[in-house]
C-alpha atoms as a PDB file:
ATOM      1  CA  MET A   1      22.798   7.229 -18.596  1.00  0.00           C
ATOM      2  CA  ALA A   2      21.571   4.126 -19.805  1.00  0.00           C
ATOM      3  CA  LEU A   3      17.678   3.828 -19.239  1.00  0.00           C
ATOM      4  CA  GLY A   4      17.930   0.917 -17.150  1.00  0.00           C
ATOM      5  CA  GLN A   5      20.325   2.681 -14.615  1.00  0.00           C
ATOM      6  CA  GLN A   6      17.639   5.617 -14.460  1.00  0.00           C
ATOM      7  CA  LEU A   7      15.119   3.769 -13.284  1.00  0.00           C
ATOM      8  CA  ALA A   8      16.760   1.467 -11.256  1.00  0.00           C
ATOM      9  CA  PRO A   9      16.004   3.401  -8.020  1.00  0.00           C
ATOM     10  CA  HIS A  10      12.907   3.973  -8.754  1.00  0.00           C
ATOM     11  CA  LEU A  11      11.342   0.385  -9.119  1.00  0.00           C
ATOM     12  CA  PRO A  12      10.699  -0.571  -5.202  1.00  0.00           C
ATOM     13  CA  PHE A  13       8.082   2.595  -5.012  1.00  0.00           C
ATOM     14  CA  VAL A  14       6.524   1.731  -8.218  1.00  0.00           C
ATOM     15  CA  ARG A  15       6.285  -1.891  -6.846  1.00  0.00           C
ATOM     16  CA  ARG A  16       4.542  -0.092  -3.749  1.00  0.00           C
ATOM     17  CA  TYR A  17       2.050   1.532  -5.255  1.00  0.00           C
ATOM     18  CA  ALA A  18       0.840  -1.241  -7.275  1.00  0.00           C
ATOM     19  CA  ARG A  19       1.100  -3.135  -4.342  1.00  0.00           C
ATOM     20  CA  ALA A  20      -1.364  -0.864  -2.754  1.00  0.00           C
ATOM     21  CA  LEU A  21      -3.623  -0.409  -5.729  1.00  0.00           C
ATOM     22  CA  THR A  22      -3.993  -4.221  -6.491  1.00  0.00           C
ATOM     23  CA  GLY A  23      -3.839  -5.471  -2.639  1.00  0.00           C
ATOM     24  CA  SER A  24      -1.318  -8.271  -3.451  1.00  0.00           C
ATOM     25  CA  GLN A  25       1.994  -8.532  -3.757  1.00  0.00           C
ATOM     26  CA  LYS A  26       1.494 -10.923  -6.295  1.00  0.00           C
ATOM     27  CA  HIS A  27      -0.819  -9.072  -8.419  1.00  0.00           C
ATOM     28  CA  GLY A  28       0.974  -5.545  -8.260  1.00  0.00           C
ATOM     29  CA  ASP A  29       4.340  -7.512  -8.832  1.00  0.00           C
ATOM     30  CA  ALA A  30       2.816  -8.854 -12.146  1.00  0.00           C
ATOM     31  CA  TYR A  31       1.996  -5.436 -13.120  1.00  0.00           C
ATOM     32  CA  VAL A  32       5.355  -3.969 -12.824  1.00  0.00           C
ATOM     33  CA  ARG A  33       6.800  -6.880 -14.441  1.00  0.00           C
ATOM     34  CA  ALA A  34       4.827  -5.904 -17.697  1.00  0.00           C
ATOM     35  CA  THR A  35       5.868  -2.538 -17.005  1.00  0.00           C
ATOM     36  CA  LEU A  36       9.597  -3.429 -17.620  1.00  0.00           C
ATOM     37  CA  GLU A  37       8.639  -5.488 -20.203  1.00  0.00           C
ATOM     38  CA  ALA A  38       6.926  -2.914 -22.153  1.00  0.00           C
ATOM     39  CA  ILE A  39       9.547  -0.757 -21.690  1.00  0.00           C
ATOM     40  CA  VAL A  40      12.330  -3.286 -22.915  1.00  0.00           C
ATOM     41  CA  ALA A  41       9.851  -4.078 -25.870  1.00  0.00           C
ATOM     42  CA  ALA A  42       9.210  -0.390 -27.006  1.00  0.00           C
ATOM     43  CA  PRO A  43      12.038   1.896 -25.206  1.00  0.00           C
ATOM     44  CA  ASP A  44      11.560   4.471 -28.047  1.00  0.00           C
ATOM     45  CA  GLU A  45       7.627   4.904 -26.813  1.00  0.00           C
ATOM     46  CA  PHE A  46       9.160   5.783 -23.461  1.00  0.00           C
ATOM     47  CA  PRO A  47       8.089   9.441 -21.870  1.00  0.00           C
ATOM     48  CA  ALA A  48      11.349  11.295 -22.666  1.00  0.00           C
ATOM     49  CA  ASP A  49      10.229  15.154 -22.203  1.00  0.00           C
ATOM     50  CA  VAL A  50       9.732  14.126 -18.494  1.00  0.00           C
ATOM     51  CA  ASP A  51      11.985  12.352 -15.762  1.00  0.00           C
ATOM     52  CA  ALA A  52      12.628   8.966 -14.970  1.00  0.00           C
ATOM     53  CA  ARG A  53      10.291   8.655 -11.796  1.00  0.00           C
ATOM     54  CA  LEU A  54       7.465  10.188 -13.498  1.00  0.00           C
ATOM     55  CA  GLY A  55       8.151   8.117 -16.816  1.00  0.00           C
ATOM     56  CA  LEU A  56       7.804   5.236 -15.045  1.00  0.00           C
ATOM     57  CA  TYR A  57       4.643   5.411 -13.312  1.00  0.00           C
ATOM     58  CA  ARG A  58       2.801   6.585 -16.576  1.00  0.00           C
ATOM     59  CA  THR A  59       3.914   3.587 -18.287  1.00  0.00           C
ATOM     60  CA  PHE A  60       2.752   1.370 -15.544  1.00  0.00           C
ATOM     61  CA  GLN A  61      -0.339   3.856 -15.701  1.00  0.00           C
ATOM     62  CA  ALA A  62      -0.875   2.664 -18.899  1.00  0.00           C
ATOM     63  CA  ILE A  63      -0.648  -1.130 -18.165  1.00  0.00           C
ATOM     64  CA  TRP A  64      -2.792  -0.575 -15.422  1.00  0.00           C
ATOM     65  CA  GLU A  65      -5.614   0.888 -17.208  1.00  0.00           C
ATOM     66  CA  SER A  66      -5.224  -1.414 -20.138  1.00  0.00           C
ATOM     67  CA  ALA A  67      -6.262  -3.999 -17.678  1.00  0.00           C
ATOM     68  CA  SER A  68      -4.486  -6.687 -20.455  1.00  0.00           C
ATOM     69  CA  VAL A  69      -2.171  -7.963 -17.509  1.00  0.00           C
ATOM     70  CA  ASP A  70      -3.780 -11.645 -16.610  1.00  0.00           C
ATOM     71  CA  VAL A  71      -2.431 -12.393 -12.843  1.00  0.00           C
ATOM     72  CA  ALA A  72      -5.430 -15.306 -12.693  1.00  0.00           C
ATOM     73  CA  ASP A  73      -3.833 -18.239 -10.384  1.00  0.00           C
ATOM     74  CA  SER A  74      -6.077 -21.010  -9.368  1.00  0.00           C
ATOM     75  CA  ASP A  75      -3.599 -21.928  -6.812  1.00  0.00           C
ATOM     76  CA  ASP A  76      -3.002 -18.000  -5.789  1.00  0.00           C
ATOM     77  CA  PRO A  77      -4.544 -17.677  -1.983  1.00  0.00           C
ATOM     78  CA  GLU A  78      -4.726 -14.017  -2.718  1.00  0.00           C
ATOM     79  CA  GLY A  79      -7.055 -14.723  -5.850  1.00  0.00           C
ATOM     80  CA  ASP A  80     -10.520 -14.373  -3.912  1.00  0.00           C
ATOM     81  CA  ARG A  81      -9.350 -11.814  -2.196  1.00  0.00           C
ATOM     82  CA  SER A  82      -8.417  -9.394  -5.061  1.00  0.00           C
ATOM     83  CA  THR A  83     -11.604 -10.327  -7.041  1.00  0.00           C
ATOM     84  CA  LEU A  84     -14.073  -9.430  -4.281  1.00  0.00           C
ATOM     85  CA  ALA A  85     -12.207  -6.198  -3.942  1.00  0.00           C
ATOM     86  CA  ARG A  86     -12.153  -5.710  -7.620  1.00  0.00           C
ATOM     87  CA  ALA A  87     -16.231  -6.299  -6.966  1.00  0.00           C
ATOM     88  CA  ARG A  88     -16.054  -3.468  -4.438  1.00  0.00           C
ATOM     89  CA  LEU A  89     -14.687  -0.452  -6.865  1.00  0.00           C
ATOM     90  CA  SER A  90     -17.854   0.426  -7.404  1.00  0.00           C
ATOM     91  CA  ARG A  91     -17.746   2.195  -3.620  1.00  0.00           C
ATOM     92  CA  MET A  92     -14.541   4.556  -5.040  1.00  0.00           C
ATOM     93  CA  THR A  93     -13.734   4.939  -8.602  1.00  0.00           C
ATOM     94  CA  PRO A  94     -10.203   3.559  -9.511  1.00  0.00           C
ATOM     95  CA  ARG A  95      -9.157   6.812 -10.471  1.00  0.00           C
ATOM     96  CA  SER A  96      -9.982   8.326  -7.069  1.00  0.00           C
ATOM     97  CA  ARG A  97      -8.174   5.439  -5.809  1.00  0.00           C
ATOM     98  CA  GLN A  98      -5.220   6.063  -7.768  1.00  0.00           C
ATOM     99  CA  ALA A  99      -5.122   9.942  -7.341  1.00  0.00           C
ATOM    100  CA  LEU A 100      -5.106   9.594  -3.565  1.00  0.00           C
ATOM    101  CA  LEU A 101      -1.979   7.195  -3.182  1.00  0.00           C
ATOM    102  CA  LEU A 102      -0.074   9.049  -5.748  1.00  0.00           C
ATOM    103  CA  THR A 103      -0.505  12.028  -4.247  1.00  0.00           C
ATOM    104  CA  ALA A 104      -0.576  10.802  -0.456  1.00  0.00           C
ATOM    105  CA  MET A 105       1.710   7.538   0.101  1.00  0.00           C
ATOM    106  CA  GLU A 106       3.909   8.515  -3.480  1.00  0.00           C
ATOM    107  CA  GLY A 107       4.423  12.113  -2.604  1.00  0.00           C
ATOM    108  CA  PHE A 108       3.712  13.146  -6.279  1.00  0.00           C
ATOM    109  CA  THR A 109       2.467  16.668  -6.469  1.00  0.00           C
ATOM    110  CA  ALA A 110      -0.975  17.833  -8.154  1.00  0.00           C
ATOM    111  CA  GLU A 111       0.091  18.541 -11.297  1.00  0.00           C
ATOM    112  CA  ASP A 112       2.249  15.547 -11.750  1.00  0.00           C
ATOM    113  CA  THR A 113      -0.230  13.137 -10.446  1.00  0.00           C
ATOM    114  CA  GLY A 114      -2.898  14.528 -13.207  1.00  0.00           C
ATOM    115  CA  TYR A 115      -0.009  13.954 -16.115  1.00  0.00           C
ATOM    116  CA  LEU A 116      -0.187  10.362 -14.943  1.00  0.00           C
ATOM    117  CA  ILE A 117      -3.983   9.478 -14.635  1.00  0.00           C
ATOM    118  CA  GLY A 118      -5.092  11.921 -17.565  1.00  0.00           C
ATOM    119  CA  ALA A 119      -6.300  14.673 -15.307  1.00  0.00           C
ATOM    120  CA  ASP A 120      -6.296  18.305 -14.978  1.00  0.00           C
ATOM    121  CA  ARG A 121      -5.225  20.010 -11.018  1.00  0.00           C
ATOM    122  CA  ALA A 122      -9.259  20.432 -10.575  1.00  0.00           C
ATOM    123  CA  GLU A 123      -9.755  17.197 -11.310  1.00  0.00           C
ATOM    124  CA  VAL A 124      -6.985  15.675  -9.331  1.00  0.00           C
ATOM    125  CA  ASP A 125      -8.193  17.544  -5.933  1.00  0.00           C
ATOM    126  CA  GLU A 126     -12.035  16.463  -6.795  1.00  0.00           C
ATOM    127  CA  LEU A 127     -10.529  12.985  -7.166  1.00  0.00           C
ATOM    128  CA  VAL A 128      -9.160  12.701  -3.978  1.00  0.00           C
ATOM    129  CA  ALA A 129     -11.887  14.467  -1.881  1.00  0.00           C
ATOM    130  CA  ASP A 130     -13.754  11.803  -3.376  1.00  0.00           C
ATOM    131  CA  ALA A 131     -11.615   8.988  -2.074  1.00  0.00           C
ATOM    132  CA  LEU A 132     -11.127  11.301   1.448  1.00  0.00           C
ATOM    133  CA  SER A 133     -14.788  11.069   1.259  1.00  0.00           C
ATOM    134  CA  ASP A 134     -15.283   7.044   1.100  1.00  0.00           C
ATOM    135  CA  ILE A 135     -12.342   6.643   4.017  1.00  0.00           C
ATOM    136  CA  GLU A 136     -14.897   8.793   6.182  1.00  0.00           C
ATOM    137  CA  SER A 137     -17.774   6.157   5.457  1.00  0.00           C
ATOM    138  CA  GLN A 138     -15.520   2.887   5.923  1.00  0.00           C
ATOM    139  CA  THR A 139     -16.200   0.644   8.857  1.00  0.00           C
ATOM    140  CA  ARG A 140     -14.379   1.240  11.887  1.00  0.00           C
ATOM    141  CA  SER A 141     -11.458  -1.581  13.549  1.00  0.00           C
ATOM    142  CA  SER A 142      -9.351  -1.578  16.039  1.00  0.00           C
ATOM    143  CA  VAL A 143      -5.325  -1.522  15.547  1.00  0.00           C
ATOM    144  CA  LEU A 144      -2.756  -3.205  16.738  1.00  0.00           C
ATOM    145  CA  ILE A 145       0.924  -0.765  17.007  1.00  0.00           C
ATOM    146  CA  ILE A 146       3.669  -3.093  17.285  1.00  0.00           C
ATOM    147  CA  GLU A 147       6.614   0.370  17.636  1.00  0.00           C
ATOM    148  CA  ASP A 148       9.112   0.558  19.981  1.00  0.00           C
ATOM    149  CA  GLU A 149       9.916   4.346  19.991  1.00  0.00           C
ATOM    150  CA  PRO A 150       7.292   6.130  21.729  1.00  0.00           C
ATOM    151  CA  MET A 151       6.919   9.344  19.999  1.00  0.00           C
ATOM    152  CA  ILE A 152       6.337   7.412  16.889  1.00  0.00           C
ATOM    153  CA  ALA A 153       3.993   5.379  18.836  1.00  0.00           C
ATOM    154  CA  MET A 154       2.171   8.611  19.902  1.00  0.00           C
ATOM    155  CA  ASP A 155       2.113   9.639  17.084  1.00  0.00           C
ATOM    156  CA  LEU A 156       0.276   6.740  14.744  1.00  0.00           C
ATOM    157  CA  GLU A 157      -2.331   6.203  17.704  1.00  0.00           C
ATOM    158  CA  THR A 158      -3.614   9.902  17.048  1.00  0.00           C
ATOM    159  CA  ILE A 159      -3.429   9.111  13.385  1.00  0.00           C
ATOM    160  CA  VAL A 160      -5.461   5.953  14.064  1.00  0.00           C
ATOM    161  CA  ARG A 161      -7.954   7.871  16.328  1.00  0.00           C
ATOM    162  CA  ASP A 162      -8.468  10.628  13.827  1.00  0.00           C
ATOM    163  CA  LEU A 163      -9.685   8.300  11.598  1.00  0.00           C
ATOM    164  CA  GLY A 164     -12.485   6.697  14.031  1.00  0.00           C
ATOM    165  CA  HIS A 165     -10.159   3.204  14.895  1.00  0.00           C
ATOM    166  CA  GLU A 166      -9.956   2.110  18.379  1.00  0.00           C
ATOM    167  CA  VAL A 167      -6.515   1.058  19.325  1.00  0.00           C
ATOM    168  CA  ALA A 168      -6.220  -2.375  20.553  1.00  0.00           C
ATOM    169  CA  GLY A 169      -2.445  -1.842  22.052  1.00  0.00           C
ATOM    170  CA  ILE A 170       0.871  -0.703  21.554  1.00  0.00           C
ATOM    171  CA  ALA A 171       3.548  -3.362  21.749  1.00  0.00           C
ATOM    172  CA  VAL A 172       7.481  -2.519  21.569  1.00  0.00           C
ATOM    173  CA  THR A 173       8.477  -6.378  21.769  1.00  0.00           C
ATOM    174  CA  ALA A 174       7.529  -9.186  19.653  1.00  0.00           C
ATOM    175  CA  ASP A 175       6.619 -11.400  22.254  1.00  0.00           C
ATOM    176  CA  GLU A 176       4.199  -8.600  23.624  1.00  0.00           C
ATOM    177  CA  ALA A 177       2.452  -7.674  20.184  1.00  0.00           C
ATOM    178  CA  VAL A 178       1.566 -11.809  19.775  1.00  0.00           C
ATOM    179  CA  ALA A 179       0.375 -11.667  23.352  1.00  0.00           C
ATOM    180  CA  LEU A 180      -1.570  -8.313  22.635  1.00  0.00           C
ATOM    181  CA  ALA A 181      -2.977  -9.691  18.916  1.00  0.00           C
ATOM    182  CA  LYS A 182      -3.944 -12.713  20.725  1.00  0.00           C
ATOM    183  CA  SER A 183      -5.717 -11.474  23.281  1.00  0.00           C
ATOM    184  CA  ALA A 184      -7.383  -8.099  21.444  1.00  0.00           C
ATOM    185  CA  LYS A 185      -7.859  -9.664  17.916  1.00  0.00           C
ATOM    186  CA  PRO A 186      -7.360  -6.797  15.765  1.00  0.00           C
ATOM    187  CA  GLY A 187      -8.541  -5.314  12.553  1.00  0.00           C
ATOM    188  CA  LEU A 188      -5.272  -4.189  11.340  1.00  0.00           C
ATOM    189  CA  VAL A 189      -1.808  -4.464  12.283  1.00  0.00           C
ATOM    190  CA  LEU A 190       0.728  -1.340  12.238  1.00  0.00           C
ATOM    191  CA  ALA A 191       4.399  -2.884  12.632  1.00  0.00           C
ATOM    192  CA  ASP A 192       7.696  -1.642  12.890  1.00  0.00           C
ATOM    193  CA  ILE A 193      10.387  -3.348  11.720  1.00  0.00           C
ATOM    194  CA  GLN A 194      13.313  -3.391  14.254  1.00  0.00           C
ATOM    195  CA  LEU A 195      11.815  -3.612  17.938  1.00  0.00           C
ATOM    196  CA  ALA A 196      13.604  -2.860  21.885  1.00  0.00           C
ATOM    197  CA  ASP A 197      14.420  -6.146  22.646  1.00  0.00           C
ATOM    198  CA  ASN A 198      16.248  -6.875  18.882  1.00  0.00           C
ATOM    199  CA  SER A 199      13.305  -9.000  18.070  1.00  0.00           C
ATOM    200  CA  SER A 200      11.453  -8.481  14.765  1.00  0.00           C
ATOM    201  CA  GLY A 201       8.582  -6.697  13.833  1.00  0.00           C
ATOM    202  CA  ILE A 202       8.378  -9.351  10.803  1.00  0.00           C
ATOM    203  CA  ASP A 203       8.112 -12.317  12.784  1.00  0.00           C
ATOM    204  CA  ALA A 204       6.306 -10.650  15.069  1.00  0.00           C
ATOM    205  CA  VAL A 205       3.772 -10.366  12.041  1.00  0.00           C
ATOM    206  CA  ARG A 206       4.186 -13.833  10.916  1.00  0.00           C
ATOM    207  CA  ASP A 207       3.753 -15.621  14.675  1.00  0.00           C
ATOM    208  CA  ILE A 208       0.186 -13.033  14.312  1.00  0.00           C
ATOM    209  CA  LEU A 209      -0.950 -14.462  11.504  1.00  0.00           C
ATOM    210  CA  THR A 210      -0.633 -18.082  12.401  1.00  0.00           C
ATOM    211  CA  GLU A 211      -3.292 -17.619  15.157  1.00  0.00           C
ATOM    212  CA  PHE A 212      -5.928 -15.372  12.426  1.00  0.00           C
ATOM    213  CA  PRO A 213      -5.806 -13.565   9.492  1.00  0.00           C
ATOM    214  CA  VAL A 214      -5.192  -9.347   9.842  1.00  0.00           C
ATOM    215  CA  PRO A 215      -4.335  -6.811   7.252  1.00  0.00           C
ATOM    216  CA  VAL A 216      -0.704  -6.031   8.085  1.00  0.00           C
ATOM    217  CA  ILE A 217       0.846  -2.617   7.292  1.00  0.00           C
ATOM    218  CA  PHE A 218       4.812  -2.206   7.788  1.00  0.00           C
ATOM    219  CA  ILE A 219       7.156   0.832   8.786  1.00  0.00           C
ATOM    220  CA  THR A 220      10.616   0.679   8.366  1.00  0.00           C
ATOM    221  CA  ALA A 221      13.137   3.028   7.321  1.00  0.00           C
ATOM    222  CA  PHE A 222      14.394   1.018   4.416  1.00  0.00           C
ATOM    223  CA  PRO A 223      11.853   0.398   2.192  1.00  0.00           C
ATOM    224  CA  GLU A 224      13.161  -0.648  -0.470  1.00  0.00           C
ATOM    225  CA  ARG A 225      15.149  -4.053   1.453  1.00  0.00           C
ATOM    226  CA  LEU A 226      11.261  -5.150   1.396  1.00  0.00           C
ATOM    227  CA  LEU A 227      10.516  -4.361  -2.362  1.00  0.00           C
ATOM    228  CA  THR A 228      12.596  -6.786  -4.227  1.00  0.00           C
ATOM    229  CA  GLY A 229       9.202  -7.914  -5.733  1.00  0.00           C
ATOM    230  CA  GLU A 230      12.124 -11.483  -5.289  1.00  0.00           C
ATOM    231  CA  ARG A 231      10.480 -13.281  -1.730  1.00  0.00           C
ATOM    232  CA  PRO A 232       7.173 -12.784   0.007  1.00  0.00           C
ATOM    233  CA  GLU A 233       7.121  -9.626   0.967  1.00  0.00           C
ATOM    234  CA  PRO A 234       4.699  -6.703   2.370  1.00  0.00           C
ATOM    235  CA  THR A 235       1.634  -5.835   0.577  1.00  0.00           C
ATOM    236  CA  PHE A 236       1.260  -2.604   2.654  1.00  0.00           C
ATOM    237  CA  LEU A 237       4.791  -0.378   3.329  1.00  0.00           C
ATOM    238  CA  ILE A 238       4.811   3.256   5.003  1.00  0.00           C
ATOM    239  CA  THR A 239       8.425   4.227   5.118  1.00  0.00           C
ATOM    240  CA  LYS A 240      10.327   6.742   7.719  1.00  0.00           C
ATOM    241  CA  PRO A 241       9.999   9.329   8.586  1.00  0.00           C
ATOM    242  CA  PHE A 242       6.425   9.139   7.450  1.00  0.00           C
ATOM    243  CA  GLN A 243       3.610  11.739   6.736  1.00  0.00           C
ATOM    244  CA  ARG A 244       0.211  11.526   7.928  1.00  0.00           C
ATOM    245  CA  PRO A 245      -1.586  11.582   4.937  1.00  0.00           C
ATOM    246  CA  THR A 246       0.340   8.504   3.918  1.00  0.00           C
ATOM    247  CA  VAL A 247       0.115   6.374   7.435  1.00  0.00           C
ATOM    248  CA  LYS A 248      -3.869   7.190   6.619  1.00  0.00           C
ATOM    249  CA  ALA A 249      -3.760   6.963   2.762  1.00  0.00           C
ATOM    250  CA  ALA A 250      -2.117   2.940   3.442  1.00  0.00           C
ATOM    251  CA  ILE A 251      -4.621   2.395   6.683  1.00  0.00           C
ATOM    252  CA  ALA A 252      -7.388   2.877   4.251  1.00  0.00           C
ATOM    253  CA  GLN A 253      -6.341   0.927   1.570  1.00  0.00           C
ATOM    254  CA  ALA A 254      -5.433  -1.903   3.712  1.00  0.00           C
ATOM    255  CA  LEU A 255      -9.069  -1.913   5.382  1.00  0.00           C
ATOM    256  CA  PHE A 256     -10.325  -1.333   1.758  1.00  0.00           C
ATOM    257  CA  PHE A 257      -9.195  -4.745   0.451  1.00  0.00           C
ATOM    258  CA  ASP A 258      -9.626  -6.403   4.169  1.00  0.00           C
ATOM    259  CA  GLU A 259     -13.178  -5.254   3.901  1.00  0.00           C
ATOM    260  CA  ALA A 260     -14.184  -6.678   0.173  1.00  0.00           C
ATOM    261  CA  THR A 261     -13.740 -10.017   2.098  1.00  0.00           C
ATOM    262  CA  VAL A 262     -16.567  -9.493   4.484  1.00  0.00           C
ATOM    263  CA  PRO A 263     -19.709 -10.794   3.216  1.00  0.00           C
ATOM    264  CA  ALA A 264     -22.641  -8.302   3.226  1.00  0.00           C
ATOM    265  CA  ALA A 265     -24.856  -8.831   5.869  1.00  0.00           C
END
């Protein structure tokens, strides 16, 4: 099988990782494009001793660590946000963030994560522990949950409260979500895509964002549909069925970048 065919199924998920790592669809997708360009330019240098998924992420890591991708754009509305977020990296090192996202969100083992970031198992465990410690010190927020499945909504509510955040409300339709958002002004939104009355969580979020800015994490059983890189798409995305560590990592990362936009007192 050609290398391109081997890599194709994994592209949506490396986009997810890149967006979560940078806090931006634009910046994350730019790093993924640079990764693919590097592979096309030198296919013989693609790691041949590991499976295609590991090789793809390892090549991405090399591009990320080189910081050679120029995504600066004066017309980019996310530009200032990204700059501020990077300035906040002093509070949680890039490697700890990478280790947490690779294990909790992307599902790599500690050994594979070590291969990807150039660390041994013990160091990966320590990096993840550092990232989790940073999460514990994060500013508490209120979270609006948009989810029509009662059991899933309850599970999300438990996760949110376990992290020390408040639940601003649980909405099961788009109209209910918008109304709750306007009244509660949450600091984060967790949104399912398909809602109870066949309304769309995407439409609900679009309406909410016209009222005020708020970080959003989408939850869907079909993530590849929202990770094409061809149109405006979510920065943070969780796959159903989800694991609790995945949700916790996504919430922490979304708030990590949102806090970066708040000036220090």
